[in-house]
């Protein structure tokens, strides 16, 4: 399983879409209590749950990991981790998967704050929300917060299709060993 980790608007979601479409990986849908954004679908982009339902699943030990980000819960349900899957998580999620799941390949996707800010603005995020994410991400997405990183990529001036090929090739080399 490929685990993509990166700050807000680092390109991890678009990278994952290319991995699904071009290389046949399967999406591991994560779960959240945040509201759906325009164009998102329940069960496709996330499992969108109420906080009460989310907490009841937590009590049943249904998650590998749960994190709180921007006053919303996010988690990786054990039922949603699949072979040849790709999942997008934060460093805590990556660490939980490294510690608890089999065949985990952690890819850290990094992009400058300037580029990430422009991407969030172009998707219509509010200025206050963007500033809060940028500041919060500075602490969360530091190398010291990871148990392991298998591949560290910079998504700045490289085509996402090239990055996806690179991730795929590196994962396949490791997977064959």
Protein backbone atom coordinates (compact mmCIF):
# COMPACT_ATOMS: atom_id res chain seq x y z
CA UNK A 1 0.00 0.00 0.00
CA UNK A 2 1.23 3.45 -0.90
CA UNK A 3 0.75 5.99 1.88
CA UNK A 4 0.81 9.58 0.62
CA UNK A 5 1.54 12.28 3.19
CA UNK A 6 1.81 15.99 2.61
CA UNK A 7 0.63 19.35 3.82
CA UNK A 8 -2.57 20.98 2.52
CA UNK A 9 -2.46 21.52 -1.27
CA UNK A 10 0.89 19.76 -1.68
CA UNK A 11 -0.51 17.78 -4.61
CA UNK A 12 -1.04 14.43 -2.92
CA UNK A 13 -4.69 14.08 -3.99
CA UNK A 14 -3.95 14.83 -7.65
CA UNK A 15 -0.96 12.47 -7.51
CA UNK A 16 -3.21 9.74 -6.09
CA UNK A 17 -5.74 10.25 -8.90
CA UNK A 18 -3.02 9.63 -11.48
CA UNK A 19 -1.89 6.50 -9.63
CA UNK A 20 -5.47 5.15 -9.72
CA UNK A 21 -6.14 6.08 -13.33
CA UNK A 22 -2.78 5.24 -14.91
CA UNK A 23 -1.38 2.40 -12.79
CA UNK A 24 -4.51 0.70 -11.46
CA UNK A 25 -4.05 1.36 -7.76
CA UNK A 26 -7.15 1.27 -5.58
CA UNK A 27 -8.28 4.12 -3.38
CA UNK A 28 -8.37 3.48 0.37
CA UNK A 29 -11.18 5.83 1.36
CA UNK A 30 -10.58 7.53 4.69
CA UNK A 31 -13.26 8.78 7.06
CA UNK A 32 -13.94 12.30 8.30
CA UNK A 33 -16.41 14.45 10.20
CA UNK A 34 -15.74 17.49 8.02
CA UNK A 35 -18.47 18.59 5.60
CA UNK A 36 -18.31 17.62 1.95
CA UNK A 37 -16.75 20.17 -0.39
CA UNK A 38 -18.42 20.98 -3.69
CA UNK A 39 -17.91 18.07 -6.07
CA UNK A 40 -17.02 15.51 -3.40
CA UNK A 41 -18.97 12.30 -2.94
CA UNK A 42 -19.55 10.24 0.18
CA UNK A 43 -17.83 6.87 -0.11
CA UNK A 44 -15.65 8.10 -2.97
CA UNK A 45 -13.66 11.04 -1.60
CA UNK A 46 -14.22 10.24 2.09
CA UNK A 47 -16.71 8.47 4.26
CA UNK A 48 -18.46 11.56 5.66
CA UNK A 49 -19.82 10.81 9.12
CA UNK A 50 -21.34 12.74 11.98
CA UNK A 51 -19.13 13.13 15.02
CA UNK A 52 -21.38 10.77 17.01
CA UNK A 53 -21.14 7.98 14.43
CA UNK A 54 -17.38 8.52 14.12
CA UNK A 55 -16.93 8.27 17.89
CA UNK A 56 -19.04 5.10 18.06
CA UNK A 57 -16.71 3.50 15.49
CA UNK A 58 -13.74 4.65 17.57
CA UNK A 59 -15.23 2.88 20.59
CA UNK A 60 -15.49 -0.31 18.49
CA UNK A 61 -11.76 -0.13 17.58
CA UNK A 62 -12.65 0.21 13.89
CA UNK A 63 -9.73 2.52 13.05
CA UNK A 64 -6.00 2.07 12.60
CA UNK A 65 -5.63 5.71 13.56
CA UNK A 66 -7.68 8.80 14.31
CA UNK A 67 -6.50 12.39 14.25
CA UNK A 68 -8.14 15.73 14.86
CA UNK A 69 -7.35 18.50 12.39
CA UNK A 70 -9.10 21.89 12.22
CA UNK A 71 -11.68 20.70 14.78
CA UNK A 72 -12.67 17.72 12.61
CA UNK A 73 -11.91 14.03 13.01
CA UNK A 74 -10.13 11.99 10.34
CA UNK A 75 -9.42 8.28 10.48
CA UNK A 76 -8.38 5.17 8.62
CA UNK A 77 -10.92 2.41 9.09
CA UNK A 78 -9.36 -1.04 9.08
CA UNK A 79 -12.00 -2.22 6.58
CA UNK A 80 -10.82 0.37 4.03
CA UNK A 81 -7.15 -0.67 3.78
CA UNK A 82 -6.76 -2.77 0.62
CA UNK A 83 -3.96 -4.46 -1.31
CA UNK A 84 -2.41 -2.24 -4.00
CA UNK A 85 -4.18 0.65 -2.34
CA UNK A 86 -3.28 4.28 -1.98
CA UNK A 87 -4.24 6.22 1.12
CA UNK A 88 -3.73 9.88 1.99
CA UNK A 89 -3.01 10.60 5.65
CA UNK A 90 -1.08 12.88 8.00
CA UNK A 91 2.17 11.84 9.74
CA UNK A 92 0.25 10.22 12.63
CA UNK A 93 -1.72 8.14 10.15
CA UNK A 94 1.44 7.15 8.30
CA UNK A 95 3.10 6.14 11.56
CA UNK A 96 0.08 4.09 12.66
CA UNK A 97 0.05 2.26 9.34
CA UNK A 98 3.82 1.65 9.44
CA UNK A 99 3.43 0.23 12.95
CA UNK A 100 0.26 -1.83 12.40
CA UNK A 101 -0.32 -2.70 8.73
CA UNK A 102 1.61 -4.84 6.25
CA UNK A 103 3.34 -3.69 3.05
CA UNK A 104 3.31 0.05 3.76
CA UNK A 105 5.30 2.42 1.50
CA UNK A 106 5.36 6.01 2.80
CA UNK A 107 5.71 8.83 0.26
CA UNK A 108 6.16 12.36 1.62
CA UNK A 109 4.93 14.95 -0.91
CA UNK A 110 6.33 18.42 -0.32
CA UNK A 111 5.62 21.78 -1.97
CA UNK A 112 6.49 25.37 -1.02
CA UNK A 113 4.11 27.41 1.12
CA UNK A 114 3.77 29.92 -1.71
CA UNK A 115 2.62 27.31 -4.21
CA UNK A 116 0.31 25.66 -1.68
CA UNK A 117 -1.25 29.05 -0.85
CA UNK A 118 -1.92 29.72 -4.55
CA UNK A 119 -3.50 26.28 -4.96
CA UNK A 120 -5.80 26.78 -1.96
CA UNK A 121 -6.80 30.23 -3.24
CA UNK A 122 -7.60 28.81 -6.68
CA UNK A 123 -9.88 26.15 -5.18
CA UNK A 124 -11.77 28.83 -3.28
CA UNK A 125 -10.54 28.36 0.29
CA UNK A 126 -11.02 31.35 2.58
CA UNK A 127 -7.94 33.47 3.36
CA UNK A 128 -8.29 32.89 7.11
CA UNK A 129 -8.56 29.14 6.56
CA UNK A 130 -5.51 29.14 4.28
CA UNK A 131 -3.39 31.02 6.82
CA UNK A 132 -4.46 28.66 9.60
CA UNK A 133 -3.58 25.59 7.50
CA UNK A 134 -0.20 26.95 6.44
CA UNK A 135 0.74 27.74 10.06
CA UNK A 136 -0.57 24.44 11.40
CA UNK A 137 1.14 22.42 8.67
CA UNK A 138 4.54 23.88 9.59
CA UNK A 139 4.50 21.92 12.84
CA UNK A 140 2.76 18.77 11.64
CA UNK A 141 4.66 18.03 8.42
CA UNK A 142 8.24 17.94 9.70
CA UNK A 143 10.55 15.04 8.96
CA UNK A 144 11.08 14.41 12.68
CA UNK A 145 7.37 13.51 12.99
CA UNK A 146 7.66 10.38 10.81
CA UNK A 147 8.67 6.89 11.93
CA UNK A 148 9.74 6.20 8.36
CA UNK A 149 9.68 7.81 4.91
CA UNK A 150 10.40 5.56 1.95
CA UNK A 151 10.29 8.25 -0.75
CA UNK A 152 10.48 12.05 -0.36
CA UNK A 153 9.33 14.02 -3.41
CA UNK A 154 9.08 17.73 -4.18
CA UNK A 155 6.02 18.78 -6.16
CA UNK A 156 7.13 22.15 -7.48
CA UNK A 157 8.10 22.31 -11.14
CA UNK A 158 7.81 18.63 -12.06
CA UNK A 159 4.83 17.29 -13.97
CA UNK A 160 2.52 15.23 -11.75
CA UNK A 161 2.50 12.42 -14.32
CA UNK A 162 6.29 12.17 -13.98
CA UNK A 163 6.00 12.14 -10.18
CA UNK A 164 3.34 9.42 -10.36
CA UNK A 165 5.59 7.30 -12.60
CA UNK A 166 8.45 7.80 -10.15
CA UNK A 167 6.30 6.76 -7.18
CA UNK A 168 4.96 3.74 -9.07
CA UNK A 169 8.42 2.57 -10.15
CA UNK A 170 9.93 2.98 -6.69
CA UNK A 171 6.99 1.18 -5.07
CA UNK A 172 7.17 -1.69 -7.56
CA UNK A 173 10.94 -2.13 -6.95
CA UNK A 174 10.37 -2.32 -3.21
CA UNK A 175 7.29 -4.49 -3.55
CA UNK A 176 9.19 -7.11 -5.60
CA UNK A 177 11.90 -7.55 -2.97
